[in-house]
Amino acid sequence: MYDVEEIKRRRKKLGITQKRLAELVGVSQPMIARIESGTVDPKLSLVRKIFRALEEIDGKNITSMDIMTSPVVTVNVDDTLLKAIELMERHNISQLPVIESGTPIGSISEGTVLRLIVEKGLTEAGGVLVGDVMSEPFPFITSETTLDRISRLLMEHQALLVMERNKIKGIVTKYDLMKALHRGI
């Protein structure tokens, strides 16, 4: 059974306007407002249509294209750790893809930087080449990778690179995922 009072709560949770819901259902915005306020008793067929629209939005296939950050800040394999640190600081990020001739071949993170500073000291660590201390590259996904798959991959990895035709189109980090959830995408 459908609870008409649930419509407003679900619509707001999904972050859509009355106007947008009305467009999806094929009614006017004032009709949605009257249904939500309880001043009109809608037909069961309309209520079903509204709930179907809300379910479709709730379960829509959010993809990496919807939440990725672009352009991607990268560091070259032959750059120094100091340059990587400067890029991380300037862009307020905690990891970078490492590229060679435009192709991702590794990654570097705050953790790697901190370990090197502890091992070698600040001055010596800054001169180390990124290629000498980089980790595995971030996994590649496409712009159509779904939120469900992204979530599972981010349980194991710090970031994911969105690749199309062997070119980096974006990056998805745990922070991007949290921002998307906060915005109610």
N, C-alpha and C. Protein backbone atom coordinates (compact mmCIF):
# COMPACT_ATOMS: atom_id res chain seq x y z
N MET A 1 0.84 -1.19 0.00
CA MET A 1 0.00 0.00 0.00
C MET A 1 0.88 1.25 0.00
N TYR A 2 0.44 2.27 -0.66
CA TYR A 2 1.18 3.51 -0.78
C TYR A 2 0.76 4.50 0.30
N ASP A 3 1.75 5.17 0.89
CA ASP A 3 1.50 6.19 1.89
C ASP A 3 1.77 7.54 1.24
N VAL A 4 0.73 8.28 0.94
CA VAL A 4 0.85 9.57 0.24
C VAL A 4 1.72 10.54 1.04
N GLU A 5 1.68 10.44 2.35
CA GLU A 5 2.49 11.33 3.18
C GLU A 5 3.99 11.09 2.99
N GLU A 6 4.33 9.94 2.44
CA GLU A 6 5.73 9.58 2.21
C GLU A 6 6.33 10.29 0.99
N ILE A 7 5.49 10.79 0.12
CA ILE A 7 5.96 11.40 -1.14
C ILE A 7 6.90 12.57 -0.87
N LYS A 8 6.49 13.51 -0.05
CA LYS A 8 7.31 14.70 0.21
C LYS A 8 8.65 14.32 0.83
N ARG A 9 8.62 13.41 1.82
CA ARG A 9 9.85 13.00 2.49
C ARG A 9 10.82 12.36 1.49
N ARG A 10 10.32 11.46 0.65
CA ARG A 10 11.19 10.80 -0.31
C ARG A 10 11.71 11.77 -1.37
N ARG A 11 10.84 12.68 -1.82
CA ARG A 11 11.26 13.66 -2.82
C ARG A 11 12.39 14.52 -2.27
N LYS A 12 12.23 15.00 -1.04
CA LYS A 12 13.26 15.85 -0.43
C LYS A 12 14.55 15.07 -0.20
N LYS A 13 14.42 13.82 0.23
CA LYS A 13 15.60 12.99 0.46
C LYS A 13 16.39 12.82 -0.83
N LEU A 14 15.68 12.71 -1.94
CA LEU A 14 16.34 12.55 -3.24
C LEU A 14 16.84 13.87 -3.81
N GLY A 15 16.45 14.98 -3.17
CA GLY A 15 16.93 16.29 -3.59
C GLY A 15 16.33 16.78 -4.89
N ILE A 16 15.09 16.40 -5.17
CA ILE A 16 14.46 16.89 -6.39
C ILE A 16 13.32 17.84 -6.03
N THR A 17 13.05 18.73 -6.92
CA THR A 17 12.01 19.73 -6.69
C THR A 17 10.64 19.16 -7.04
N GLN A 18 9.61 19.84 -6.57
CA GLN A 18 8.24 19.47 -6.94
C GLN A 18 8.08 19.59 -8.46
N LYS A 19 8.69 20.62 -9.02
CA LYS A 19 8.57 20.84 -10.46
C LYS A 19 9.17 19.66 -11.23
N ARG A 20 10.34 19.20 -10.80
CA ARG A 20 11.00 18.08 -11.49
C ARG A 20 10.17 16.81 -11.35
N LEU A 21 9.65 16.55 -10.17
CA LEU A 21 8.81 15.37 -9.97
C LEU A 21 7.56 15.47 -10.85
N ALA A 22 6.98 16.65 -10.90
CA ALA A 22 5.78 16.85 -11.73
C ALA A 22 6.09 16.56 -13.20
N GLU A 23 7.25 17.02 -13.68
CA GLU A 23 7.65 16.75 -15.07
C GLU A 23 7.79 15.26 -15.32
N LEU A 24 8.39 14.56 -14.38
CA LEU A 24 8.60 13.12 -14.55
C LEU A 24 7.29 12.34 -14.57
N VAL A 25 6.32 12.83 -13.81
CA VAL A 25 5.05 12.13 -13.68
C VAL A 25 4.03 12.60 -14.72
N GLY A 26 4.22 13.80 -15.24
CA GLY A 26 3.29 14.32 -16.24
C GLY A 26 2.11 15.07 -15.66
N VAL A 27 2.35 15.73 -14.52
CA VAL A 27 1.31 16.56 -13.90
C VAL A 27 1.92 17.94 -13.63
N SER A 28 1.10 18.84 -13.11
CA SER A 28 1.60 20.17 -12.80
C SER A 28 2.30 20.20 -11.43
N GLN A 29 3.17 21.17 -11.25
CA GLN A 29 3.83 21.35 -9.95
C GLN A 29 2.81 21.66 -8.86
N PRO A 30 1.79 22.51 -9.12
CA PRO A 30 0.79 22.74 -8.08
C PRO A 30 0.07 21.46 -7.64
N MET A 31 -0.10 20.51 -8.58
CA MET A 31 -0.75 19.24 -8.22
C MET A 31 0.12 18.47 -7.23
N ILE A 32 1.43 18.43 -7.47
CA ILE A 32 2.35 17.76 -6.54
C ILE A 32 2.30 18.46 -5.18
N ALA A 33 2.27 19.80 -5.19
CA ALA A 33 2.20 20.57 -3.94
C ALA A 33 0.92 20.23 -3.17
N ARG A 34 -0.20 20.13 -3.88
CA ARG A 34 -1.47 19.81 -3.21
C ARG A 34 -1.47 18.38 -2.67
N ILE A 35 -0.87 17.46 -3.40
CA ILE A 35 -0.78 16.07 -2.93
C ILE A 35 0.07 16.02 -1.66
N GLU A 36 1.21 16.70 -1.69
CA GLU A 36 2.11 16.70 -0.53
C GLU A 36 1.48 17.38 0.68
N SER A 37 0.69 18.40 0.46
CA SER A 37 0.07 19.12 1.58
C SER A 37 -1.19 18.42 2.09
N GLY A 38 -1.67 17.45 1.32
CA GLY A 38 -2.86 16.71 1.74
C GLY A 38 -4.17 17.38 1.40
N THR A 39 -4.14 18.41 0.54
CA THR A 39 -5.37 19.12 0.19
C THR A 39 -6.10 18.48 -0.98
N VAL A 40 -5.49 17.45 -1.59
CA VAL A 40 -6.15 16.73 -2.67
C VAL A 40 -5.91 15.24 -2.45
N ASP A 41 -6.91 14.46 -2.79
CA ASP A 41 -6.81 13.01 -2.67
C ASP A 41 -6.60 12.45 -4.08
N PRO A 42 -5.36 12.14 -4.44
CA PRO A 42 -5.08 11.73 -5.82
C PRO A 42 -5.56 10.31 -6.12
N LYS A 43 -5.76 10.04 -7.40
CA LYS A 43 -6.11 8.69 -7.84
C LYS A 43 -4.95 7.75 -7.52
N LEU A 44 -5.30 6.51 -7.30
CA LEU A 44 -4.29 5.49 -7.02
C LEU A 44 -3.30 5.37 -8.17
N SER A 45 -3.77 5.50 -9.40
CA SER A 45 -2.87 5.39 -10.56
C SER A 45 -1.82 6.50 -10.55
N LEU A 46 -2.20 7.70 -10.12
CA LEU A 46 -1.24 8.81 -10.03
C LEU A 46 -0.25 8.56 -8.91
N VAL A 47 -0.73 8.08 -7.78
CA VAL A 47 0.16 7.78 -6.66
C VAL A 47 1.18 6.72 -7.08
N ARG A 48 0.72 5.69 -7.77
CA ARG A 48 1.63 4.65 -8.27
C ARG A 48 2.69 5.25 -9.19
N LYS A 49 2.25 6.13 -10.07
CA LYS A 49 3.16 6.78 -11.01
C LYS A 49 4.22 7.60 -10.26
N ILE A 50 3.79 8.32 -9.25
CA ILE A 50 4.71 9.14 -8.45
C ILE A 50 5.74 8.24 -7.76
N PHE A 51 5.27 7.18 -7.13
CA PHE A 51 6.19 6.29 -6.43
C PHE A 51 7.15 5.59 -7.40
N ARG A 52 6.66 5.23 -8.59
CA ARG A 52 7.55 4.64 -9.60
C ARG A 52 8.64 5.63 -9.99
N ALA A 53 8.26 6.88 -10.17
CA ALA A 53 9.24 7.91 -10.54
C ALA A 53 10.27 8.10 -9.42
N LEU A 54 9.79 8.14 -8.19
CA LEU A 54 10.71 8.29 -7.05
C LEU A 54 11.65 7.08 -6.93
N GLU A 55 11.13 5.89 -7.15
CA GLU A 55 11.97 4.69 -7.09
C GLU A 55 13.00 4.69 -8.21
N GLU A 56 12.58 5.16 -9.38
CA GLU A 56 13.52 5.21 -10.51
C GLU A 56 14.66 6.18 -10.22
N ILE A 57 14.33 7.33 -9.65
CA ILE A 57 15.36 8.31 -9.31
C ILE A 57 16.27 7.74 -8.22
N ASP A 58 15.66 7.14 -7.22
CA ASP A 58 16.44 6.58 -6.11
C ASP A 58 17.39 5.49 -6.59
N GLY A 59 16.95 4.70 -7.54
CA GLY A 59 17.78 3.60 -8.00
C GLY A 59 18.45 3.88 -9.32
N LYS A 60 18.41 5.11 -9.76
CA LYS A 60 18.99 5.40 -11.07
C LYS A 60 20.46 5.06 -11.07
N ASN A 61 20.96 4.75 -12.20
CA ASN A 61 22.35 4.36 -12.32
C ASN A 61 23.25 5.59 -12.30
N ILE A 62 23.66 5.96 -11.13
CA ILE A 62 24.63 7.03 -10.99
C ILE A 62 25.95 6.45 -11.46
N THR A 63 26.63 7.17 -12.28
CA THR A 63 27.88 6.66 -12.84
C THR A 63 29.05 7.53 -12.42
N SER A 64 30.22 7.04 -12.74
CA SER A 64 31.44 7.78 -12.41
C SER A 64 31.42 9.17 -13.05
N MET A 65 30.79 9.29 -14.21
CA MET A 65 30.70 10.59 -14.89
C MET A 65 29.98 11.61 -14.00
N ASP A 66 29.04 11.15 -13.18
CA ASP A 66 28.27 12.04 -12.32
C ASP A 66 29.06 12.55 -11.12
N ILE A 67 30.07 11.81 -10.69
CA ILE A 67 30.74 12.17 -9.44
C ILE A 67 32.25 12.40 -9.57
N MET A 68 32.81 12.16 -10.75
CA MET A 68 34.27 12.27 -10.89
C MET A 68 34.74 13.71 -10.81
N THR A 69 36.02 13.86 -10.49
CA THR A 69 36.68 15.16 -10.52
C THR A 69 37.48 15.23 -11.80
N SER A 70 37.37 16.33 -12.49
CA SER A 70 38.09 16.53 -13.75
C SER A 70 38.36 18.02 -13.89
N PRO A 71 39.50 18.41 -14.42
CA PRO A 71 40.61 17.60 -14.89
C PRO A 71 41.38 16.97 -13.72
N VAL A 72 42.14 15.95 -14.04
CA VAL A 72 42.89 15.21 -13.04
C VAL A 72 44.29 15.80 -12.90
N VAL A 73 44.68 16.05 -11.65
CA VAL A 73 46.03 16.52 -11.37
C VAL A 73 46.92 15.28 -11.36
N THR A 74 47.99 15.33 -12.14
CA THR A 74 48.90 14.18 -12.24
C THR A 74 50.33 14.64 -11.99
N VAL A 75 51.20 13.67 -11.78
CA VAL A 75 52.62 13.93 -11.63
C VAL A 75 53.34 12.99 -12.59
N ASN A 76 54.43 13.46 -13.16
CA ASN A 76 55.20 12.64 -14.09
C ASN A 76 56.14 11.70 -13.34
N VAL A 77 56.43 10.59 -13.98
CA VAL A 77 57.29 9.57 -13.38
C VAL A 77 58.67 10.12 -13.02
N ASP A 78 59.16 11.10 -13.78
CA ASP A 78 60.50 11.65 -13.52
C ASP A 78 60.49 12.94 -12.71
N ASP A 79 59.34 13.31 -12.17
CA ASP A 79 59.27 14.46 -11.25
C ASP A 79 59.80 14.04 -9.88
N THR A 80 60.20 15.03 -9.11
CA THR A 80 60.66 14.74 -7.74
C THR A 80 59.48 14.65 -6.80
N LEU A 81 59.73 14.04 -5.66
CA LEU A 81 58.72 13.95 -4.62
C LEU A 81 58.30 15.34 -4.16
N LEU A 82 59.23 16.28 -4.17
CA LEU A 82 58.92 17.65 -3.79
C LEU A 82 57.82 18.22 -4.70
N LYS A 83 57.92 17.95 -6.00
CA LYS A 83 56.88 18.43 -6.92
C LYS A 83 55.55 17.78 -6.59
N ALA A 84 55.55 16.49 -6.30
CA ALA A 84 54.31 15.79 -5.95
C ALA A 84 53.69 16.42 -4.70
N ILE A 85 54.53 16.71 -3.72
CA ILE A 85 54.06 17.32 -2.48
C ILE A 85 53.44 18.69 -2.77
N GLU A 86 54.12 19.48 -3.61
CA GLU A 86 53.59 20.81 -3.96
C GLU A 86 52.24 20.71 -4.64
N LEU A 87 52.08 19.73 -5.55
CA LEU A 87 50.80 19.55 -6.24
C LEU A 87 49.70 19.13 -5.26
N MET A 88 50.04 18.21 -4.37
CA MET A 88 49.05 17.77 -3.38
C MET A 88 48.61 18.94 -2.51
N GLU A 89 49.57 19.74 -2.09
CA GLU A 89 49.26 20.88 -1.24
C GLU A 89 48.44 21.92 -1.99
N ARG A 90 48.85 22.26 -3.20
CA ARG A 90 48.18 23.29 -3.98
C ARG A 90 46.73 22.90 -4.30
N HIS A 91 46.49 21.63 -4.57
CA HIS A 91 45.16 21.18 -4.97
C HIS A 91 44.37 20.51 -3.85
N ASN A 92 44.98 20.49 -2.66
CA ASN A 92 44.33 19.91 -1.48
C ASN A 92 43.85 18.48 -1.74
N ILE A 93 44.79 17.66 -2.23
CA ILE A 93 44.50 16.26 -2.52
C ILE A 93 45.52 15.37 -1.82
N SER A 94 45.18 14.10 -1.66
CA SER A 94 46.05 13.21 -0.90
C SER A 94 46.70 12.12 -1.74
N GLN A 95 46.39 12.07 -3.02
CA GLN A 95 47.03 11.10 -3.89
C GLN A 95 47.05 11.62 -5.32
N LEU A 96 48.00 11.11 -6.09
CA LEU A 96 48.15 11.54 -7.48
C LEU A 96 48.41 10.33 -8.37
N PRO A 97 47.82 10.33 -9.55
CA PRO A 97 48.24 9.35 -10.54
C PRO A 97 49.62 9.74 -11.07
N VAL A 98 50.46 8.75 -11.32
CA VAL A 98 51.77 8.99 -11.91
C VAL A 98 51.67 8.61 -13.38
N ILE A 99 52.09 9.53 -14.26
CA ILE A 99 51.98 9.27 -15.69
C ILE A 99 53.35 9.28 -16.36
N GLU A 100 53.39 8.61 -17.48
CA GLU A 100 54.56 8.63 -18.36
C GLU A 100 54.02 8.71 -19.77
N SER A 101 54.39 9.76 -20.48
CA SER A 101 53.88 10.01 -21.83
C SER A 101 52.35 9.98 -21.88
N GLY A 102 51.71 10.54 -20.84
CA GLY A 102 50.26 10.64 -20.80
C GLY A 102 49.54 9.38 -20.34
N THR A 103 50.28 8.31 -20.09
CA THR A 103 49.67 7.05 -19.67
C THR A 103 49.89 6.83 -18.18
N PRO A 104 48.83 6.49 -17.44
CA PRO A 104 48.99 6.23 -16.01
C PRO A 104 49.79 4.93 -15.79
N ILE A 105 50.86 5.04 -15.00
CA ILE A 105 51.70 3.86 -14.73
C ILE A 105 51.88 3.60 -13.24
N GLY A 106 51.37 4.50 -12.41
CA GLY A 106 51.52 4.32 -10.98
C GLY A 106 50.71 5.35 -10.22
N SER A 107 50.95 5.39 -8.91
CA SER A 107 50.27 6.36 -8.05
C SER A 107 51.19 6.70 -6.90
N ILE A 108 50.93 7.84 -6.31
CA ILE A 108 51.68 8.26 -5.12
C ILE A 108 50.69 8.87 -4.15
N SER A 109 50.87 8.58 -2.87
CA SER A 109 49.92 9.06 -1.86
C SER A 109 50.65 9.72 -0.71
N GLU A 110 49.87 10.37 0.14
CA GLU A 110 50.42 10.99 1.35
C GLU A 110 51.18 9.96 2.19
N GLY A 111 50.65 8.76 2.25
CA GLY A 111 51.29 7.71 3.03
C GLY A 111 52.70 7.42 2.56
N THR A 112 52.88 7.34 1.25
CA THR A 112 54.21 7.11 0.68
C THR A 112 55.13 8.27 1.00
N VAL A 113 54.62 9.47 0.86
CA VAL A 113 55.41 10.67 1.14
C VAL A 113 55.85 10.67 2.61
N LEU A 114 54.93 10.40 3.51
CA LEU A 114 55.25 10.40 4.93
C LEU A 114 56.28 9.33 5.29
N ARG A 115 56.14 8.14 4.72
CA ARG A 115 57.12 7.07 4.98
C ARG A 115 58.51 7.48 4.54
N LEU A 116 58.61 8.11 3.38
CA LEU A 116 59.92 8.53 2.88
C LEU A 116 60.53 9.63 3.74
N ILE A 117 59.70 10.56 4.20
CA ILE A 117 60.21 11.63 5.07
C ILE A 117 60.75 11.02 6.36
N VAL A 118 60.05 10.04 6.91
CA VAL A 118 60.51 9.37 8.13
C VAL A 118 61.82 8.63 7.86
N GLU A 119 61.88 7.92 6.73
CA GLU A 119 63.07 7.11 6.40
C GLU A 119 64.29 7.96 6.04
N LYS A 120 64.08 8.99 5.22
CA LYS A 120 65.21 9.72 4.63
C LYS A 120 65.40 11.14 5.15
N GLY A 121 64.41 11.64 5.84
CA GLY A 121 64.46 13.04 6.24
C GLY A 121 63.84 13.91 5.17
N LEU A 122 63.42 15.09 5.55
CA LEU A 122 62.68 15.98 4.65
C LEU A 122 63.48 16.38 3.41
N THR A 123 64.70 16.79 3.58
CA THR A 123 65.50 17.27 2.45
C THR A 123 65.79 16.17 1.45
N GLU A 124 66.26 15.03 1.93
CA GLU A 124 66.61 13.94 1.02
C GLU A 124 65.37 13.37 0.34
N ALA A 125 64.27 13.24 1.08
CA ALA A 125 63.04 12.68 0.51
C ALA A 125 62.52 13.55 -0.64
N GLY A 126 62.65 14.86 -0.51
CA GLY A 126 62.16 15.77 -1.55
C GLY A 126 62.81 15.57 -2.89
N GLY A 127 64.04 15.09 -2.91
CA GLY A 127 64.76 14.89 -4.17
C GLY A 127 64.55 13.53 -4.81
N VAL A 128 63.87 12.63 -4.14
CA VAL A 128 63.62 11.29 -4.69
C VAL A 128 62.67 11.41 -5.89
N LEU A 129 62.93 10.63 -6.92
CA LEU A 129 62.05 10.64 -8.09
C LEU A 129 60.78 9.85 -7.80
N VAL A 130 59.67 10.39 -8.25
CA VAL A 130 58.37 9.76 -8.04
C VAL A 130 58.37 8.32 -8.56
N GLY A 131 58.97 8.11 -9.72
CA GLY A 131 59.01 6.78 -10.32
C GLY A 131 59.71 5.75 -9.48
N ASP A 132 60.61 6.19 -8.60
CA ASP A 132 61.36 5.27 -7.75
C ASP A 132 60.56 4.81 -6.53
N VAL A 133 59.49 5.51 -6.19
CA VAL A 133 58.74 5.18 -4.98
C VAL A 133 57.23 5.02 -5.21
N MET A 134 56.82 5.11 -6.47
CA MET A 134 55.38 5.04 -6.75
C MET A 134 54.84 3.65 -6.45
N SER A 135 53.52 3.63 -6.22
CA SER A 135 52.79 2.38 -6.01
C SER A 135 52.09 2.00 -7.30
N GLU A 136 51.31 0.93 -7.23
CA GLU A 136 50.54 0.49 -8.39
C GLU A 136 49.61 1.61 -8.86
N PRO A 137 49.27 1.61 -10.15
CA PRO A 137 48.31 2.63 -10.62
C PRO A 137 46.93 2.37 -10.02
N PHE A 138 46.14 3.41 -9.95
CA PHE A 138 44.77 3.27 -9.50
C PHE A 138 44.02 2.44 -10.55
N PRO A 139 43.04 1.66 -10.12
CA PRO A 139 42.25 0.88 -11.09
C PRO A 139 41.56 1.80 -12.09
N PHE A 140 41.38 1.31 -13.30
CA PHE A 140 40.70 2.06 -14.35
C PHE A 140 39.24 1.66 -14.38
N ILE A 141 38.39 2.66 -14.56
CA ILE A 141 36.97 2.43 -14.76
C ILE A 141 36.54 3.28 -15.96
N THR A 142 35.34 3.06 -16.45
CA THR A 142 34.82 3.87 -17.54
C THR A 142 33.89 4.94 -16.98
N SER A 143 33.47 5.82 -17.83
CA SER A 143 32.54 6.87 -17.41
C SER A 143 31.17 6.30 -17.09
N GLU A 144 30.91 5.06 -17.47
CA GLU A 144 29.62 4.41 -17.22
C GLU A 144 29.63 3.48 -16.01
N THR A 145 30.74 3.40 -15.29
CA THR A 145 30.81 2.53 -14.11
C THR A 145 29.81 3.03 -13.07
N THR A 146 29.03 2.10 -12.53
CA THR A 146 27.94 2.48 -11.62
C THR A 146 28.45 2.75 -10.20
N LEU A 147 27.63 3.47 -9.47
CA LEU A 147 27.94 3.85 -8.09
C LEU A 147 28.18 2.61 -7.23
N ASP A 148 27.42 1.57 -7.46
CA ASP A 148 27.58 0.34 -6.70
C ASP A 148 28.99 -0.24 -6.90
N ARG A 149 29.42 -0.32 -8.14
CA ARG A 149 30.76 -0.85 -8.45
C ARG A 149 31.84 0.10 -7.91
N ILE A 150 31.65 1.38 -8.05
CA ILE A 150 32.60 2.37 -7.54
C ILE A 150 32.78 2.20 -6.04
N SER A 151 31.66 2.07 -5.33
CA SER A 151 31.71 1.92 -3.87
C SER A 151 32.53 0.71 -3.47
N ARG A 152 32.29 -0.41 -4.16
CA ARG A 152 33.03 -1.63 -3.83
C ARG A 152 34.52 -1.48 -4.12
N LEU A 153 34.87 -0.86 -5.23
CA LEU A 153 36.28 -0.67 -5.58
C LEU A 153 36.97 0.26 -4.59
N LEU A 154 36.26 1.29 -4.14
CA LEU A 154 36.88 2.24 -3.21
C LEU A 154 37.07 1.65 -1.81
N MET A 155 36.46 0.51 -1.54
CA MET A 155 36.73 -0.19 -0.28
C MET A 155 38.16 -0.74 -0.28
N GLU A 156 38.69 -0.98 -1.47
CA GLU A 156 40.02 -1.59 -1.62
C GLU A 156 41.09 -0.62 -2.12
N HIS A 157 40.68 0.48 -2.74
CA HIS A 157 41.62 1.39 -3.38
C HIS A 157 41.34 2.83 -2.96
N GLN A 158 42.39 3.66 -3.01
CA GLN A 158 42.24 5.06 -2.62
C GLN A 158 41.51 5.90 -3.66
N ALA A 159 41.65 5.51 -4.92
CA ALA A 159 41.06 6.28 -6.01
C ALA A 159 40.87 5.39 -7.22
N LEU A 160 40.07 5.88 -8.16
CA LEU A 160 39.82 5.18 -9.42
C LEU A 160 39.98 6.17 -10.54
N LEU A 161 40.63 5.76 -11.62
CA LEU A 161 40.79 6.63 -12.78
C LEU A 161 39.73 6.33 -13.81
N VAL A 162 39.02 7.37 -14.23
CA VAL A 162 38.03 7.22 -15.29
C VAL A 162 38.77 7.37 -16.61
N MET A 163 38.78 6.30 -17.38
CA MET A 163 39.54 6.26 -18.64
C MET A 163 38.58 6.06 -19.81
N GLU A 164 38.82 6.80 -20.88
CA GLU A 164 38.09 6.63 -22.13
C GLU A 164 39.09 6.75 -23.25
N ARG A 165 39.14 5.74 -24.10
CA ARG A 165 40.06 5.72 -25.24
C ARG A 165 41.50 5.97 -24.80
N ASN A 166 41.90 5.29 -23.74
CA ASN A 166 43.26 5.37 -23.19
C ASN A 166 43.66 6.76 -22.72
N LYS A 167 42.69 7.59 -22.42
CA LYS A 167 42.96 8.93 -21.89
C LYS A 167 42.26 9.08 -20.54
N ILE A 168 42.92 9.78 -19.62
CA ILE A 168 42.33 10.04 -18.31
C ILE A 168 41.27 11.12 -18.46
N LYS A 169 40.04 10.77 -18.09
CA LYS A 169 38.93 11.73 -18.15
C LYS A 169 38.58 12.28 -16.79
N GLY A 170 38.89 11.54 -15.73
CA GLY A 170 38.55 11.99 -14.39
C GLY A 170 39.09 11.03 -13.35
N ILE A 171 38.89 11.40 -12.11
CA ILE A 171 39.29 10.56 -10.99
C ILE A 171 38.14 10.53 -10.00
N VAL A 172 37.93 9.39 -9.38
CA VAL A 172 36.92 9.26 -8.33
C VAL A 172 37.64 8.81 -7.07
N THR A 173 37.50 9.59 -6.02
CA THR A 173 38.11 9.27 -4.74
C THR A 173 37.01 9.00 -3.72
N LYS A 174 37.41 8.55 -2.55
CA LYS A 174 36.44 8.33 -1.48
C LYS A 174 35.74 9.65 -1.14
N TYR A 175 36.47 10.74 -1.22
CA TYR A 175 35.89 12.05 -0.93
C TYR A 175 34.81 12.40 -1.96
N ASP A 176 35.06 12.09 -3.24
CA ASP A 176 34.06 12.35 -4.28
C ASP A 176 32.77 11.58 -4.00
N LEU A 177 32.95 10.34 -3.56
CA LEU A 177 31.79 9.51 -3.23
C LEU A 177 31.01 10.11 -2.06
N MET A 178 31.71 10.56 -1.04
CA MET A 178 31.04 11.18 0.12
C MET A 178 30.32 12.46 -0.28
N LYS A 179 30.95 13.26 -1.15
CA LYS A 179 30.30 14.49 -1.62
C LYS A 179 29.01 14.15 -2.36
N ALA A 180 29.05 13.12 -3.19
CA ALA A 180 27.87 12.72 -3.97
C ALA A 180 26.76 12.27 -3.03
N LEU A 181 27.10 11.49 -2.03
CA LEU A 181 26.09 11.04 -1.09
C LEU A 181 25.51 12.20 -0.30
N HIS A 182 26.35 13.15 0.06
CA HIS A 182 25.88 14.33 0.81
C HIS A 182 24.94 15.18 -0.04
N ARG A 183 25.26 15.31 -1.33
CA ARG A 183 24.42 16.09 -2.24
C ARG A 183 23.14 15.35 -2.60
N GLY A 184 23.10 14.06 -2.32
CA GLY A 184 21.90 13.27 -2.61
C GLY A 184 21.73 12.91 -4.05
N ILE A 185 22.84 12.73 -4.75
CA ILE A 185 22.76 12.33 -6.17
C ILE A 185 22.04 11.02 -6.26
